[in-house]
PDB file of all heavy atoms in Angstrom:
ATOM      1  N   ASP A   1       0.805  -1.215   0.000  1.00  0.00           N
ATOM      2  CA  ASP A   1       0.000   0.000   0.000  1.00  0.00           C
ATOM      3  C   ASP A   1       0.843   1.272   0.000  1.00  0.00           C
ATOM      4  O   ASP A   1       0.389   2.316  -0.479  1.00  0.00           O
ATOM      5  CB  ASP A   1      -0.923   0.035   1.219  1.00  0.00           C
ATOM      6  CG  ASP A   1      -1.919  -1.110   1.237  1.00  0.00           C
ATOM      7  OD1 ASP A   1      -2.193  -1.661   0.149  1.00  0.00           O
ATOM      8  OD2 ASP A   1      -2.404  -1.458   2.331  1.00  0.00           O
ATOM      9  N   LEU A   2       2.043   1.197   0.573  1.00  0.00           N
ATOM     10  CA  LEU A   2       2.931   2.351   0.670  1.00  0.00           C
ATOM     11  C   LEU A   2       4.345   1.937   0.297  1.00  0.00           C
ATOM     12  O   LEU A   2       4.741   0.794   0.531  1.00  0.00           O
ATOM     13  CB  LEU A   2       2.942   2.900   2.108  1.00  0.00           C
ATOM     14  CG  LEU A   2       1.645   3.482   2.657  1.00  0.00           C
ATOM     15  CD1 LEU A   2       1.760   3.728   4.156  1.00  0.00           C
ATOM     16  CD2 LEU A   2       1.312   4.789   1.943  1.00  0.00           C
ATOM     17  N   SER A   3       5.111   2.890  -0.230  1.00  0.00           N
ATOM     18  CA  SER A   3       6.511   2.597  -0.535  1.00  0.00           C
ATOM     19  C   SER A   3       7.323   2.632   0.761  1.00  0.00           C
ATOM     20  O   SER A   3       6.975   3.341   1.710  1.00  0.00           O
ATOM     21  CB  SER A   3       7.077   3.620  -1.521  1.00  0.00           C
ATOM     22  OG  SER A   3       7.276   4.867  -0.879  1.00  0.00           O
ATOM     23  N   ARG A   4       8.403   1.879   0.785  1.00  0.00           N
ATOM     24  CA  ARG A   4       9.265   1.825   1.972  1.00  0.00           C
ATOM     25  C   ARG A   4       9.855   3.204   2.258  1.00  0.00           C
ATOM     26  O   ARG A   4       9.899   3.644   3.411  1.00  0.00           O
ATOM     27  CB  ARG A   4      10.370   0.803   1.766  1.00  0.00           C
ATOM     28  CG  ARG A   4      11.299   0.644   2.951  1.00  0.00           C
ATOM     29  CD  ARG A   4      12.322  -0.469   2.675  1.00  0.00           C
ATOM     30  NE  ARG A   4      13.270  -0.616   3.750  1.00  0.00           N
ATOM     31  CZ  ARG A   4      14.464  -0.043   3.772  1.00  0.00           C
ATOM     32  NH1 ARG A   4      14.861   0.731   2.779  1.00  0.00           N
ATOM     33  NH2 ARG A   4      15.275  -0.236   4.800  1.00  0.00           N
ATOM     34  N   ALA A   5      10.318   3.911   1.240  1.00  0.00           N
ATOM     35  CA  ALA A   5      10.945   5.218   1.427  1.00  0.00           C
ATOM     36  C   ALA A   5       9.961   6.235   2.016  1.00  0.00           C
ATOM     37  O   ALA A   5      10.280   6.942   2.982  1.00  0.00           O
ATOM     38  CB  ALA A   5      11.506   5.728   0.106  1.00  0.00           C
ATOM     39  N   LYS A   6       8.759   6.315   1.433  1.00  0.00           N
ATOM     40  CA  LYS A   6       7.755   7.260   1.929  1.00  0.00           C
ATOM     41  C   LYS A   6       7.316   6.891   3.346  1.00  0.00           C
ATOM     42  O   LYS A   6       7.159   7.747   4.210  1.00  0.00           O
ATOM     43  CB  LYS A   6       6.542   7.285   0.985  1.00  0.00           C
ATOM     44  CG  LYS A   6       5.442   8.222   1.423  1.00  0.00           C
ATOM     45  CD  LYS A   6       5.909   9.657   1.481  1.00  0.00           C
ATOM     46  CE  LYS A   6       4.770  10.593   1.865  1.00  0.00           C
ATOM     47  NZ  LYS A   6       5.230  11.957   2.072  1.00  0.00           N
ATOM     48  N   THR A   7       7.157   5.588   3.589  1.00  0.00           N
ATOM     49  CA  THR A   7       6.728   5.126   4.904  1.00  0.00           C
ATOM     50  C   THR A   7       7.776   5.431   5.956  1.00  0.00           C
ATOM     51  O   THR A   7       7.441   5.818   7.079  1.00  0.00           O
ATOM     52  CB  THR A   7       6.413   3.622   4.860  1.00  0.00           C
ATOM     53  OG1 THR A   7       5.412   3.406   3.867  1.00  0.00           O
ATOM     54  CG2 THR A   7       5.899   3.121   6.188  1.00  0.00           C
ATOM     55  N   ALA A   8       9.043   5.275   5.620  1.00  0.00           N
ATOM     56  CA  ALA A   8      10.114   5.589   6.564  1.00  0.00           C
ATOM     57  C   ALA A   8      10.070   7.065   6.947  1.00  0.00           C
ATOM     58  O   ALA A   8      10.245   7.418   8.122  1.00  0.00           O
ATOM     59  CB  ALA A   8      11.467   5.220   5.981  1.00  0.00           C
ATOM     60  N   GLN A   9       9.805   7.933   5.975  1.00  0.00           N
ATOM     61  CA  GLN A   9       9.681   9.362   6.266  1.00  0.00           C
ATOM     62  C   GLN A   9       8.500   9.627   7.206  1.00  0.00           C
ATOM     63  O   GLN A   9       8.618  10.398   8.162  1.00  0.00           O
ATOM     64  CB  GLN A   9       9.507  10.160   4.984  1.00  0.00           C
ATOM     65  CG  GLN A   9      10.732  10.172   4.102  1.00  0.00           C
ATOM     66  CD  GLN A   9      10.464  10.842   2.766  1.00  0.00           C
ATOM     67  OE1 GLN A   9       9.326  11.118   2.396  1.00  0.00           O
ATOM     68  NE2 GLN A   9      11.533  11.111   2.027  1.00  0.00           N
ATOM     69  N   LEU A  10       7.371   8.986   6.933  1.00  0.00           N
ATOM     70  CA  LEU A  10       6.183   9.163   7.774  1.00  0.00           C
ATOM     71  C   LEU A  10       6.422   8.651   9.189  1.00  0.00           C
ATOM     72  O   LEU A  10       6.042   9.299  10.167  1.00  0.00           O
ATOM     73  CB  LEU A  10       4.985   8.444   7.146  1.00  0.00           C
ATOM     74  CG  LEU A  10       4.467   9.006   5.826  1.00  0.00           C
ATOM     75  CD1 LEU A  10       3.443   8.049   5.209  1.00  0.00           C
ATOM     76  CD2 LEU A  10       3.870  10.390   6.038  1.00  0.00           C
ATOM     77  N   LEU A  11       7.058   7.486   9.307  1.00  0.00           N
ATOM     78  CA  LEU A  11       7.314   6.905  10.624  1.00  0.00           C
ATOM     79  C   LEU A  11       8.308   7.745  11.401  1.00  0.00           C
ATOM     80  O   LEU A  11       8.112   7.989  12.598  1.00  0.00           O
ATOM     81  CB  LEU A  11       7.816   5.459  10.485  1.00  0.00           C
ATOM     82  CG  LEU A  11       8.129   4.735  11.791  1.00  0.00           C
ATOM     83  CD1 LEU A  11       6.916   4.712  12.722  1.00  0.00           C
ATOM     84  CD2 LEU A  11       8.616   3.323  11.496  1.00  0.00           C
ATOM     85  N   ALA A  12       9.355   8.209  10.753  1.00  0.00           N
ATOM     86  CA  ALA A  12      10.334   9.063  11.438  1.00  0.00           C
ATOM     87  C   ALA A  12       9.652  10.334  11.953  1.00  0.00           C
ATOM     88  O   ALA A  12       9.890  10.751  13.091  1.00  0.00           O
ATOM     89  CB  ALA A  12      11.488   9.407  10.502  1.00  0.00           C
ATOM     90  N   ALA A  13       8.788  10.928  11.147  1.00  0.00           N
ATOM     91  CA  ALA A  13       8.065  12.131  11.569  1.00  0.00           C
ATOM     92  C   ALA A  13       7.100  11.823  12.714  1.00  0.00           C
ATOM     93  O   ALA A  13       7.004  12.579  13.678  1.00  0.00           O
ATOM     94  CB  ALA A  13       7.313  12.735  10.392  1.00  0.00           C
ATOM     95  N   ALA A  14       6.406  10.697  12.619  1.00  0.00           N
ATOM     96  CA  ALA A  14       5.437  10.319  13.653  1.00  0.00           C
ATOM     97  C   ALA A  14       6.108   9.995  14.980  1.00  0.00           C
ATOM     98  O   ALA A  14       5.483  10.096  16.038  1.00  0.00           O
ATOM     99  CB  ALA A  14       4.615   9.117  13.184  1.00  0.00           C
ATOM    100  N   SER A  15       7.387   9.628  14.939  1.00  0.00           N
ATOM    101  CA  SER A  15       8.089   9.238  16.168  1.00  0.00           C
ATOM    102  C   SER A  15       8.520  10.443  16.999  1.00  0.00           C
ATOM    103  O   SER A  15       9.061  10.267  18.092  1.00  0.00           O
ATOM    104  CB  SER A  15       9.307   8.380  15.829  1.00  0.00           C
ATOM    105  OG  SER A  15      10.363   9.168  15.305  1.00  0.00           O
ATOM    106  N   SER A  16       8.307  11.640  16.496  1.00  0.00           N
ATOM    107  CA  SER A  16       8.663  12.878  17.208  1.00  0.00           C
ATOM    108  C   SER A  16      10.110  12.875  17.693  1.00  0.00           C
ATOM    109  O   SER A  16      10.397  13.204  18.842  1.00  0.00           O
ATOM    110  CB  SER A  16       7.721  13.098  18.403  1.00  0.00           C
ATOM    111  OG  SER A  16       6.392  13.188  17.968  1.00  0.00           O
ATOM    112  N   GLY A  17      11.012  12.479  16.811  1.00  0.00           N
ATOM    113  CA  GLY A  17      12.427  12.472  17.159  1.00  0.00           C
ATOM    114  C   GLY A  17      12.920  11.156  17.729  1.00  0.00           C
ATOM    115  O   GLY A  17      14.100  11.007  18.005  1.00  0.00           O
ATOM    116  N   GLY A  18      12.033  10.195  17.908  1.00  0.00           N
ATOM    117  CA  GLY A  18      12.432   8.903  18.471  1.00  0.00           C
ATOM    118  C   GLY A  18      13.174   8.027  17.483  1.00  0.00           C
ATOM    119  O   GLY A  18      13.947   7.157  17.883  1.00  0.00           O
ATOM    120  N   LEU A  19      12.949   8.250  16.192  1.00  0.00           N
ATOM    121  CA  LEU A  19      13.616   7.460  15.162  1.00  0.00           C
ATOM    122  C   LEU A  19      14.212   8.376  14.109  1.00  0.00           C
ATOM    123  O   LEU A  19      13.570   9.334  13.680  1.00  0.00           O
ATOM    124  CB  LEU A  19      12.626   6.512  14.464  1.00  0.00           C
ATOM    125  CG  LEU A  19      12.035   5.366  15.276  1.00  0.00           C
ATOM    126  CD1 LEU A  19      10.929   4.689  14.481  1.00  0.00           C
ATOM    127  CD2 LEU A  19      13.120   4.372  15.657  1.00  0.00           C
ATOM    128  N   THR A  20      15.424   8.062  13.693  1.00  0.00           N
ATOM    129  CA  THR A  20      15.998   8.709  12.527  1.00  0.00           C
ATOM    130  C   THR A  20      15.386   8.053  11.300  1.00  0.00           C
ATOM    131  O   THR A  20      14.669   7.053  11.408  1.00  0.00           O
ATOM    132  CB  THR A  20      17.517   8.523  12.488  1.00  0.00           C
ATOM    133  OG1 THR A  20      17.802   7.120  12.350  1.00  0.00           O
ATOM    134  CG2 THR A  20      18.178   9.084  13.743  1.00  0.00           C
ATOM    135  N   LEU A  21      15.700   8.575  10.135  1.00  0.00           N
ATOM    136  CA  LEU A  21      15.207   7.959   8.911  1.00  0.00           C
ATOM    137  C   LEU A  21      15.735   6.526   8.786  1.00  0.00           C
ATOM    138  O   LEU A  21      14.976   5.604   8.468  1.00  0.00           O
ATOM    139  CB  LEU A  21      15.609   8.790   7.692  1.00  0.00           C
ATOM    140  CG  LEU A  21      15.044   8.347   6.351  1.00  0.00           C
ATOM    141  CD1 LEU A  21      13.521   8.287   6.389  1.00  0.00           C
ATOM    142  CD2 LEU A  21      15.507   9.286   5.255  1.00  0.00           C
ATOM    143  N   LEU A  22      17.006   6.318   9.097  1.00  0.00           N
ATOM    144  CA  LEU A  22      17.584   4.970   9.054  1.00  0.00           C
ATOM    145  C   LEU A  22      16.910   4.064  10.075  1.00  0.00           C
ATOM    146  O   LEU A  22      16.574   2.914   9.785  1.00  0.00           O
ATOM    147  CB  LEU A  22      19.093   5.017   9.295  1.00  0.00           C
ATOM    148  CG  LEU A  22      19.812   3.670   9.324  1.00  0.00           C
ATOM    149  CD1 LEU A  22      19.641   2.921   8.006  1.00  0.00           C
ATOM    150  CD2 LEU A  22      21.283   3.868   9.649  1.00  0.00           C
ATOM    151  N   GLY A  23      16.689   4.580  11.282  1.00  0.00           N
ATOM    152  CA  GLY A  23      16.005   3.800  12.315  1.00  0.00           C
ATOM    153  C   GLY A  23      14.596   3.429  11.902  1.00  0.00           C
ATOM    154  O   GLY A  23      14.125   2.318  12.168  1.00  0.00           O
ATOM    155  N   ALA A  24      13.912   4.349  11.246  1.00  0.00           N
ATOM    156  CA  ALA A  24      12.556   4.079  10.767  1.00  0.00           C
ATOM    157  C   ALA A  24      12.575   2.999   9.689  1.00  0.00           C
ATOM    158  O   ALA A  24      11.718   2.112   9.682  1.00  0.00           O
ATOM    159  CB  ALA A  24      11.919   5.362  10.229  1.00  0.00           C
ATOM    160  N   GLU A  25      13.561   3.053   8.793  1.00  0.00           N
ATOM    161  CA  GLU A  25      13.673   2.023   7.757  1.00  0.00           C
ATOM    162  C   GLU A  25      13.896   0.653   8.380  1.00  0.00           C
ATOM    163  O   GLU A  25      13.289  -0.338   7.979  1.00  0.00           O
ATOM    164  CB  GLU A  25      14.818   2.363   6.799  1.00  0.00           C
ATOM    165  CG  GLU A  25      14.530   3.545   5.913  1.00  0.00           C
ATOM    166  CD  GLU A  25      15.743   4.008   5.124  1.00  0.00           C
ATOM    167  OE1 GLU A  25      16.881   3.567   5.423  1.00  0.00           O
ATOM    168  OE2 GLU A  25      15.560   4.822   4.202  1.00  0.00           O
ATOM    169  N   GLN A  26      14.777   0.592   9.374  1.00  0.00           N
ATOM    170  CA  GLN A  26      15.046  -0.683  10.044  1.00  0.00           C
ATOM    171  C   GLN A  26      13.818  -1.183  10.793  1.00  0.00           C
ATOM    172  O   GLN A  26      13.517  -2.380  10.788  1.00  0.00           O
ATOM    173  CB  GLN A  26      16.239  -0.545  10.995  1.00  0.00           C
ATOM    174  CG  GLN A  26      17.539  -0.335  10.264  1.00  0.00           C
ATOM    175  CD  GLN A  26      18.693   0.007  11.183  1.00  0.00           C
ATOM    176  OE1 GLN A  26      18.500   0.434  12.319  1.00  0.00           O
ATOM    177  NE2 GLN A  26      19.903  -0.168  10.690  1.00  0.00           N
ATOM    178  N   ALA A  27      13.110  -0.271  11.438  1.00  0.00           N
ATOM    179  CA  ALA A  27      11.896  -0.650  12.161  1.00  0.00           C
ATOM    180  C   ALA A  27      10.846  -1.210  11.211  1.00  0.00           C
ATOM    181  O   ALA A  27      10.161  -2.195  11.526  1.00  0.00           O
ATOM    182  CB  ALA A  27      11.339   0.553  12.928  1.00  0.00           C
ATOM    183  N   ILE A  28      10.721  -0.611  10.034  1.00  0.00           N
ATOM    184  CA  ILE A  28       9.765  -1.099   9.030  1.00  0.00           C
ATOM    185  C   ILE A  28      10.158  -2.492   8.550  1.00  0.00           C
ATOM    186  O   ILE A  28       9.319  -3.377   8.403  1.00  0.00           O
ATOM    187  CB  ILE A  28       9.662  -0.104   7.859  1.00  0.00           C
ATOM    188  CG1 ILE A  28       8.945   1.159   8.316  1.00  0.00           C
ATOM    189  CG2 ILE A  28       8.953  -0.730   6.662  1.00  0.00           C
ATOM    190  CD1 ILE A  28       9.079   2.326   7.368  1.00  0.00           C
ATOM    191  N   ASP A  29      11.451  -2.687   8.323  1.00  0.00           N
ATOM    192  CA  ASP A  29      11.926  -3.990   7.853  1.00  0.00           C
ATOM    193  C   ASP A  29      11.679  -5.096   8.880  1.00  0.00           C
ATOM    194  O   ASP A  29      11.414  -6.232   8.515  1.00  0.00           O
ATOM    195  CB  ASP A  29      13.416  -3.938   7.521  1.00  0.00           C
ATOM    196  CG  ASP A  29      13.723  -3.064   6.318  1.00  0.00           C
ATOM    197  OD1 ASP A  29      12.782  -2.750   5.549  1.00  0.00           O
ATOM    198  OD2 ASP A  29      14.897  -2.686   6.152  1.00  0.00           O
ATOM    199  N   ASP A  30      11.773  -4.748  10.170  1.00  0.00           N
ATOM    200  CA  ASP A  30      11.660  -5.748  11.242  1.00  0.00           C
ATOM    201  C   ASP A  30      10.357  -5.635  12.018  1.00  0.00           C
ATOM    202  O   ASP A  30      10.256  -6.106  13.145  1.00  0.00           O
ATOM    203  CB  ASP A  30      12.832  -5.585  12.226  1.00  0.00           C
ATOM    204  CG  ASP A  30      14.180  -5.788  11.576  1.00  0.00           C
ATOM    205  OD1 ASP A  30      14.264  -6.554  10.598  1.00  0.00           O
ATOM    206  OD2 ASP A  30      15.162  -5.171  12.040  1.00  0.00           O
ATOM    207  N   TRP A  31       9.336  -5.043  11.433  1.00  0.00           N
ATOM    208  CA  TRP A  31       8.126  -4.699  12.185  1.00  0.00           C
ATOM    209  C   TRP A  31       7.442  -5.883  12.830  1.00  0.00           C
ATOM    210  O   TRP A  31       6.869  -5.768  13.912  1.00  0.00           O
ATOM    211  CB  TRP A  31       7.148  -3.929  11.296  1.00  0.00           C
ATOM    212  CG  TRP A  31       6.443  -4.761  10.275  1.00  0.00           C
ATOM    213  CD1 TRP A  31       6.877  -5.031   9.010  1.00  0.00           C
ATOM    214  CD2 TRP A  31       5.193  -5.423  10.418  1.00  0.00           C
ATOM    215  NE1 TRP A  31       5.962  -5.819   8.353  1.00  0.00           N
ATOM    216  CE2 TRP A  31       4.921  -6.083   9.194  1.00  0.00           C
ATOM    217  CE3 TRP A  31       4.269  -5.543  11.445  1.00  0.00           C
ATOM    218  CZ2 TRP A  31       3.775  -6.830   8.987  1.00  0.00           C
ATOM    219  CZ3 TRP A  31       3.121  -6.284  11.234  1.00  0.00           C
ATOM    220  CH2 TRP A  31       2.880  -6.918  10.027  1.00  0.00           C
ATOM    221  N   LYS A  32       7.494  -7.059  12.235  1.00  0.00           N
ATOM    222  CA  LYS A  32       6.775  -8.211  12.788  1.00  0.00           C
ATOM    223  C   LYS A  32       7.357  -8.695  14.109  1.00  0.00           C
ATOM    224  O   LYS A  32       6.642  -9.267  14.928  1.00  0.00           O
ATOM    225  CB  LYS A  32       6.765  -9.359  11.786  1.00  0.00           C
ATOM    226  CG  LYS A  32       5.901  -9.085  10.578  1.00  0.00           C
ATOM    227  CD  LYS A  32       5.924 -10.245   9.613  1.00  0.00           C
ATOM    228  CE  LYS A  32       5.126  -9.933   8.374  1.00  0.00           C
ATOM    229  NZ  LYS A  32       5.220 -11.001   7.380  1.00  0.00           N
ATOM    230  N   ASP A  33       8.650  -8.464  14.332  1.00  0.00           N
ATOM    231  CA  ASP A  33       9.312  -8.950  15.544  1.00  0.00           C
ATOM    232  C   ASP A  33       9.515  -7.879  16.607  1.00  0.00           C
ATOM    233  O   ASP A  33       9.940  -8.189  17.720  1.00  0.00           O
ATOM    234  CB  ASP A  33      10.695  -9.529  15.179  1.00  0.00           C
ATOM    235  CG  ASP A  33      10.603 -10.682  14.211  1.00  0.00           C
ATOM    236  OD1 ASP A  33       9.652 -11.480  14.329  1.00  0.00           O
ATOM    237  OD2 ASP A  33      11.469 -10.787  13.329  1.00  0.00           O
ATOM    238  N   THR A  34       9.229  -6.639  16.284  1.00  0.00           N
ATOM    239  CA  THR A  34       9.568  -5.539  17.176  1.00  0.00           C
ATOM    240  C   THR A  34       8.825  -5.601  18.508  1.00  0.00           C
ATOM    241  O   THR A  34       9.428  -5.434  19.569  1.00  0.00           O
ATOM    242  CB  THR A  34       9.313  -4.185  16.484  1.00  0.00           C
ATOM    243  OG1 THR A  34      10.104  -4.140  15.302  1.00  0.00           O
ATOM    244  CG2 THR A  34       9.677  -3.029  17.376  1.00  0.00           C
ATOM    245  N   ARG A  35       7.535  -5.840  18.497  1.00  0.00           N
ATOM    246  CA  ARG A  35       6.772  -5.850  19.755  1.00  0.00           C
ATOM    247  C   ARG A  35       7.283  -6.946  20.689  1.00  0.00           C
ATOM    248  O   ARG A  35       7.523  -6.700  21.873  1.00  0.00           O
ATOM    249  CB  ARG A  35       5.275  -6.031  19.501  1.00  0.00           C
ATOM    250  CG  ARG A  35       4.447  -5.919  20.780  1.00  0.00           C
ATOM    251  CD  ARG A  35       2.947  -6.028  20.498  1.00  0.00           C
ATOM    252  NE  ARG A  35       2.457  -4.962  19.651  1.00  0.00           N
ATOM    253  CZ  ARG A  35       1.970  -3.802  20.109  1.00  0.00           C
ATOM    254  NH1 ARG A  35       1.932  -3.563  21.394  1.00  0.00           N
ATOM    255  NH2 ARG A  35       1.520  -2.896  19.254  1.00  0.00           N
ATOM    256  N   ALA A  36       7.499  -8.132  20.168  1.00  0.00           N
ATOM    257  CA  ALA A  36       7.988  -9.241  20.998  1.00  0.00           C
ATOM    258  C   ALA A  36       9.376  -8.934  21.557  1.00  0.00           C
ATOM    259  O   ALA A  36       9.667  -9.224  22.727  1.00  0.00           O
ATOM    260  CB  ALA A  36       8.002 -10.539  20.200  1.00  0.00           C
ATOM    261  N   ARG A  37      10.247  -8.342  20.714  1.00  0.00           N
ATOM    262  CA  ARG A  37      11.596  -8.002  21.192  1.00  0.00           C
ATOM    263  C   ARG A  37      11.539  -6.959  22.305  1.00  0.00           C
ATOM    264  O   ARG A  37      12.238  -7.064  23.312  1.00  0.00           O
ATOM    265  CB  ARG A  37      12.464  -7.496  20.039  1.00  0.00           C
ATOM    266  CG  ARG A  37      13.060  -8.574  19.186  1.00  0.00           C
ATOM    267  CD  ARG A  37      14.209  -8.098  18.303  1.00  0.00           C
ATOM    268  NE  ARG A  37      14.150  -6.706  17.919  1.00  0.00           N
ATOM    269  CZ  ARG A  37      13.633  -6.230  16.781  1.00  0.00           C
ATOM    270  NH1 ARG A  37      13.132  -7.052  15.899  1.00  0.00           N
ATOM    271  NH2 ARG A  37      13.628  -4.943  16.522  1.00  0.00           N
ATOM    272  N   LEU A  38      10.715  -5.941  22.133  1.00  0.00           N
ATOM    273  CA  LEU A  38      10.602  -4.902  23.151  1.00  0.00           C
ATOM    274  C   LEU A  38       9.978  -5.432  24.435  1.00  0.00           C
ATOM    275  O   LEU A  38      10.394  -5.058  25.537  1.00  0.00           O
ATOM    276  CB  LEU A  38       9.810  -3.716  22.622  1.00  0.00           C
ATOM    277  CG  LEU A  38      10.498  -2.894  21.530  1.00  0.00           C
ATOM    278  CD1 LEU A  38       9.564  -1.796  21.033  1.00  0.00           C
ATOM    279  CD2 LEU A  38      11.797  -2.306  22.020  1.00  0.00           C
ATOM    280  N   GLU A  39       8.977  -6.285  24.305  1.00  0.00           N
ATOM    281  CA  GLU A  39       8.371  -6.888  25.509  1.00  0.00           C
ATOM    282  C   GLU A  39       9.388  -7.740  26.246  1.00  0.00           C
ATOM    283  O   GLU A  39       9.456  -7.725  27.477  1.00  0.00           O
ATOM    284  CB  GLU A  39       7.143  -7.703  25.125  1.00  0.00           C
ATOM    285  CG  GLU A  39       5.963  -6.839  24.727  1.00  0.00           C
ATOM    286  CD  GLU A  39       4.788  -7.630  24.169  1.00  0.00           C
ATOM    287  OE1 GLU A  39       4.937  -8.833  23.879  1.00  0.00           O
ATOM    288  OE2 GLU A  39       3.708  -7.023  24.013  1.00  0.00           O
ATOM    289  N   GLY A  40      10.187  -8.506  25.506  1.00  0.00           N
ATOM    290  CA  GLY A  40      11.228  -9.322  26.123  1.00  0.00           C
ATOM    291  C   GLY A  40      12.283  -8.472  26.799  1.00  0.00           C
ATOM    292  O   GLY A  40      12.727  -8.772  27.918  1.00  0.00           O
ATOM    293  N   LEU A  41      12.695  -7.398  26.142  1.00  0.00           N
ATOM    294  CA  LEU A  41      13.683  -6.491  26.721  1.00  0.00           C
ATOM    295  C   LEU A  41      13.148  -5.849  27.989  1.00  0.00           C
ATOM    296  O   LEU A  41      13.853  -5.750  29.000  1.00  0.00           O
ATOM    297  CB  LEU A  41      14.069  -5.421  25.702  1.00  0.00           C
ATOM    298  CG  LEU A  41      15.089  -4.386  26.153  1.00  0.00           C
ATOM    299  CD1 LEU A  41      16.409  -5.049  26.523  1.00  0.00           C
ATOM    300  CD2 LEU A  41      15.294  -3.353  25.060  1.00  0.00           C
ATOM    301  N   PHE A  42      11.892  -5.435  27.965  1.00  0.00           N
ATOM    302  CA  PHE A  42      11.278  -4.832  29.150  1.00  0.00           C
ATOM    303  C   PHE A  42      11.241  -5.834  30.308  1.00  0.00           C
ATOM    304  O   PHE A  42      11.631  -5.520  31.436  1.00  0.00           O
ATOM    305  CB  PHE A  42       9.865  -4.339  28.827  1.00  0.00           C
ATOM    306  CG  PHE A  42       9.151  -3.786  30.025  1.00  0.00           C
ATOM    307  CD1 PHE A  42       9.428  -2.507  30.477  1.00  0.00           C
ATOM    308  CD2 PHE A  42       8.209  -4.544  30.705  1.00  0.00           C
ATOM    309  CE1 PHE A  42       8.790  -1.997  31.597  1.00  0.00           C
ATOM    310  CE2 PHE A  42       7.565  -4.036  31.825  1.00  0.00           C
ATOM    311  CZ  PHE A  42       7.847  -2.757  32.271  1.00  0.00           C
ATOM    312  N   ALA A  43      10.797  -7.054  30.033  1.00  0.00           N
ATOM    313  CA  ALA A  43      10.711  -8.075  31.083  1.00  0.00           C
ATOM    314  C   ALA A  43      12.090  -8.386  31.647  1.00  0.00           C
ATOM    315  O   ALA A  43      12.255  -8.518  32.874  1.00  0.00           O
ATOM    316  CB  ALA A  43      10.057  -9.341  30.531  1.00  0.00           C
ATOM    317  N   ASP A  44      13.092  -8.505  30.785  1.00  0.00           N
ATOM    318  CA  ASP A  44      14.449  -8.778  31.249  1.00  0.00           C
ATOM    319  C   ASP A  44      14.991  -7.629  32.098  1.00  0.00           C
ATOM    320  O   ASP A  44      15.683  -7.853  33.089  1.00  0.00           O
ATOM    321  CB  ASP A  44      15.394  -9.021  30.063  1.00  0.00           C
ATOM    322  CG  ASP A  44      15.191 -10.379  29.416  1.00  0.00           C
ATOM    323  OD1 ASP A  44      14.407 -11.191  29.955  1.00  0.00           O
ATOM    324  OD2 ASP A  44      15.829 -10.626  28.375  1.00  0.00           O
ATOM    325  N   THR A  45      14.670  -6.405  31.701  1.00  0.00           N
ATOM    326  CA  THR A  45      15.121  -5.244  32.470  1.00  0.00           C
ATOM    327  C   THR A  45      14.492  -5.233  33.854  1.00  0.00           C
ATOM    328  O   THR A  45      15.168  -5.009  34.865  1.00  0.00           O
ATOM    329  CB  THR A  45      14.790  -3.938  31.716  1.00  0.00           C
ATOM    330  OG1 THR A  45      15.426  -3.973  30.435  1.00  0.00           O
ATOM    331  CG2 THR A  45      15.248  -2.722  32.483  1.00  0.00           C
TER     332      THR A  45
END
């Protein structure tokens, strides 16, 4: 539905400084595993 480049720009903007453009691209590429990884990191912390 959306191009990776345009979506990365939208996600970086939506993150209010939380993600760079590169970080947004990586987050898009790994989106299916991100919630589980963050939940695991939180629990371990």
